[in-house]
Amino acid sequence: MHVSLVVALVSLAGVALGTGFSFMLHRQTLRSTLELEDRRQHQQRLEARRLESIAAIEKFLISAQDAERVAVNCHDNGESGLKWRKAADRATDGLWIGQKRIEVLCSRELHRAAEAFASASADAIWKKPPNVKVWDFLQPARVRFLQAAHSELREDGAPPHP
């Protein structure tokens, strides 16, 4: 009877140990799976945010191009009147809406560059740039914005292209 009790206790201990190890392994696997899923979801959120930033930058650049066209039409091509005024108002509104979109979605550095570019573009629309063509007047603010946008969107940490 003593031997059967020892065998039963050893068997029970083996089952308990096996169950404990199985439980620990299952728990570790579940934890690893949840951590992997959290990382995957985090990456998806980052990519969605990046795509939103790209869209905001693109819309802002379209607005800036419209504003530049309106300024050139006035100051370099002599256009004026009600039709030009409506185009100028639309272009100015588009610039500032785009700038606010960047403020909400992007870094402070890119927001500052967008604000400076929008301000220069609005100035180019409403005031004749002194002794320079509109494009030349906007060039410094445009370059700063494009460099900031490039830095914002760069994934690999490499320096921006010259």
Protein backbone atom coordinates (compact mmCIF):
# COMPACT_ATOMS: atom_id res chain seq x y z
CA MET A 1 0.00 0.00 0.00
CA HIS A 2 2.85 2.33 0.77
CA VAL A 3 4.34 1.94 -2.74
CA SER A 4 1.00 2.64 -4.42
CA LEU A 5 0.60 5.79 -2.33
CA VAL A 6 4.08 6.98 -3.31
CA VAL A 7 3.34 6.24 -7.00
CA ALA A 8 0.01 8.07 -6.77
CA LEU A 9 1.62 11.07 -5.07
CA VAL A 10 4.48 11.18 -7.61
CA SER A 11 1.92 10.94 -10.44
CA LEU A 12 -0.18 13.68 -8.87
CA ALA A 13 2.91 15.85 -8.42
CA GLY A 14 3.83 15.25 -12.08
CA VAL A 15 0.33 16.23 -13.22
CA ALA A 16 0.43 19.35 -11.02
CA LEU A 17 3.87 20.33 -12.30
CA GLY A 18 2.83 19.70 -15.92
CA THR A 19 -0.34 21.72 -15.44
CA GLY A 20 1.61 24.56 -13.82
CA PHE A 21 4.19 24.65 -16.61
CA SER A 22 1.45 24.43 -19.23
CA PHE A 23 -0.43 27.31 -17.57
CA MET A 24 2.74 29.44 -17.37
CA LEU A 25 3.62 28.72 -21.00
CA HIS A 26 0.09 29.52 -22.13
CA ARG A 27 0.10 32.75 -20.12
CA GLN A 28 3.48 33.79 -21.56
CA THR A 29 2.29 33.00 -25.09
CA LEU A 30 -0.88 35.01 -24.54
CA ARG A 31 1.12 37.95 -23.14
CA SER A 32 3.51 37.85 -26.11
CA THR A 33 0.59 37.70 -28.53
CA LEU A 34 -1.10 40.69 -26.87
CA GLU A 35 2.15 42.69 -26.88
CA LEU A 36 2.65 41.89 -30.56
CA GLU A 37 -0.92 42.97 -31.33
CA ASP A 38 -0.42 46.20 -29.36
CA ARG A 39 2.75 46.95 -31.34
CA ARG A 40 0.96 46.19 -34.62
CA GLN A 41 -1.93 48.51 -33.73
CA HIS A 42 0.51 51.21 -32.64
CA GLN A 43 2.31 50.93 -36.00
CA GLN A 44 -1.02 51.15 -37.81
CA ARG A 45 -1.92 54.30 -35.88
CA LEU A 46 1.47 55.84 -36.66
CA GLU A 47 1.08 55.04 -40.35
CA ALA A 48 -2.45 56.47 -40.41
CA ARG A 49 -1.16 59.62 -38.73
CA ARG A 50 1.69 59.83 -41.24
CA LEU A 51 -0.77 59.53 -44.13
CA GLU A 52 -2.89 62.31 -42.59
CA SER A 53 0.22 64.48 -42.35
CA ILE A 54 1.10 63.78 -45.98
CA ALA A 55 -2.43 64.76 -47.03
CA ALA A 56 -2.26 67.98 -44.97
CA ILE A 57 1.11 68.89 -46.48
CA GLU A 58 -0.15 68.18 -49.98
CA LYS A 59 -3.28 70.29 -49.49
CA PHE A 60 -1.20 73.12 -48.07
CA LEU A 61 1.17 73.00 -51.05
CA ILE A 62 -1.80 73.13 -53.43
CA SER A 63 -3.12 76.18 -51.57
CA ALA A 64 0.33 77.80 -51.63
CA GLN A 65 0.56 77.21 -55.38
CA ASP A 66 -2.88 78.79 -55.87
CA ALA A 67 -1.81 81.78 -53.78
CA GLU A 68 1.39 82.18 -55.76
CA ARG A 69 -0.57 82.07 -59.03
CA VAL A 70 -2.95 84.78 -57.76
CA ALA A 71 -0.01 86.97 -56.65
CA VAL A 72 1.82 86.52 -59.96
CA ASN A 73 -1.36 87.30 -61.89
CA CYS A 74 -1.69 90.59 -59.99
CA HIS A 75 1.85 91.83 -59.52
CA ASP A 76 3.68 90.32 -62.50
CA ASN A 77 0.81 90.18 -65.03
CA GLY A 78 -1.23 93.24 -64.00
CA GLU A 79 -4.50 91.44 -63.23
CA SER A 80 -6.99 93.16 -60.91
CA GLY A 81 -10.70 93.66 -60.39
CA LEU A 82 -13.50 91.72 -58.75
CA LYS A 83 -12.60 88.37 -60.33
CA TRP A 84 -9.01 88.68 -59.10
CA ARG A 85 -10.21 89.82 -55.64
CA LYS A 86 -12.42 86.71 -55.29
CA ALA A 87 -9.52 84.47 -56.36
CA ALA A 88 -7.26 86.26 -53.86
CA ASP A 89 -9.78 85.77 -51.04
CA ARG A 90 -10.15 82.05 -51.88
CA ALA A 91 -6.39 81.59 -52.08
CA THR A 92 -5.81 83.36 -48.77
CA ASP A 93 -8.52 81.32 -47.06
CA GLY A 94 -7.05 78.11 -48.47
CA LEU A 95 -3.61 79.02 -47.16
CA TRP A 96 -4.76 79.67 -43.61
CA ILE A 97 -7.03 76.63 -43.50
CA GLY A 98 -4.14 74.48 -44.72
CA GLN A 99 -1.82 76.04 -42.17
CA LYS A 100 -4.28 75.23 -39.37
CA ARG A 101 -4.57 71.64 -40.59
CA ILE A 102 -0.79 71.33 -40.35
CA GLU A 103 -0.87 72.92 -36.89
CA VAL A 104 -3.28 70.20 -35.72
CA LEU A 105 -1.58 67.21 -37.37
CA CYS A 106 2.13 67.94 -37.58
CA SER A 107 5.12 68.97 -35.51
CA ARG A 108 5.67 72.43 -34.12
CA GLU A 109 8.63 72.91 -36.49
CA LEU A 110 6.52 72.14 -39.55
CA HIS A 111 3.69 74.30 -38.21
CA ARG A 112 6.05 77.27 -37.83
CA ALA A 113 7.38 76.78 -41.35
CA ALA A 114 3.83 76.52 -42.74
CA GLU A 115 2.82 79.66 -40.85
CA ALA A 116 5.81 81.59 -42.25
CA PHE A 117 5.11 80.32 -45.79
CA ALA A 118 1.40 81.17 -45.51
CA SER A 119 2.23 84.63 -44.18
CA ALA A 120 4.73 85.28 -46.98
CA SER A 121 2.24 83.98 -49.55
CA ALA A 122 -0.54 86.19 -48.20
CA ASP A 123 1.84 89.15 -48.25
CA ALA A 124 2.72 88.31 -51.85
CA ILE A 125 -0.97 88.39 -52.75
CA TRP A 126 -1.94 91.61 -51.04
CA LYS A 127 1.31 93.60 -51.22
CA LYS A 128 3.65 93.84 -54.17
CA PRO A 129 6.99 92.27 -53.19
CA PRO A 130 9.65 95.01 -53.26
CA ASN A 131 11.97 94.83 -56.28
CA VAL A 132 11.64 91.07 -56.79
CA LYS A 133 9.40 88.64 -58.62
CA VAL A 134 6.79 86.84 -56.53
CA TRP A 135 8.55 83.49 -56.94
CA ASP A 136 11.84 84.93 -55.66
CA PHE A 137 10.06 86.60 -52.73
CA LEU A 138 8.47 83.28 -51.68
CA GLN A 139 11.55 81.12 -52.26
CA PRO A 140 13.08 81.31 -48.73
CA ALA A 141 9.79 80.48 -46.97
CA ARG A 142 9.02 77.73 -49.51
CA VAL A 143 12.44 76.11 -49.03
CA ARG A 144 12.12 76.23 -45.22
CA PHE A 145 8.67 74.64 -45.42
CA LEU A 146 9.80 71.90 -47.81
CA GLN A 147 12.81 71.09 -45.63
CA ALA A 148 10.61 70.88 -42.53
CA ALA A 149 8.10 68.69 -44.41
CA HIS A 150 10.89 66.42 -45.57
CA SER A 151 12.19 66.08 -42.01
CA GLU A 152 8.66 65.41 -40.73
CA LEU A 153 8.06 62.58 -43.18
CA ARG A 154 11.50 60.98 -43.13
CA GLU A 155 11.27 57.55 -41.55
CA ASP A 156 14.86 56.38 -41.53
CA GLY A 157 16.44 59.32 -39.72
CA ALA A 158 18.74 60.05 -42.68
CA PRO A 159 19.68 63.67 -43.27
CA PRO A 160 17.55 65.52 -45.83
CA HIS A 161 18.71 65.74 -49.39
CA PRO A 162 20.28 69.07 -50.31
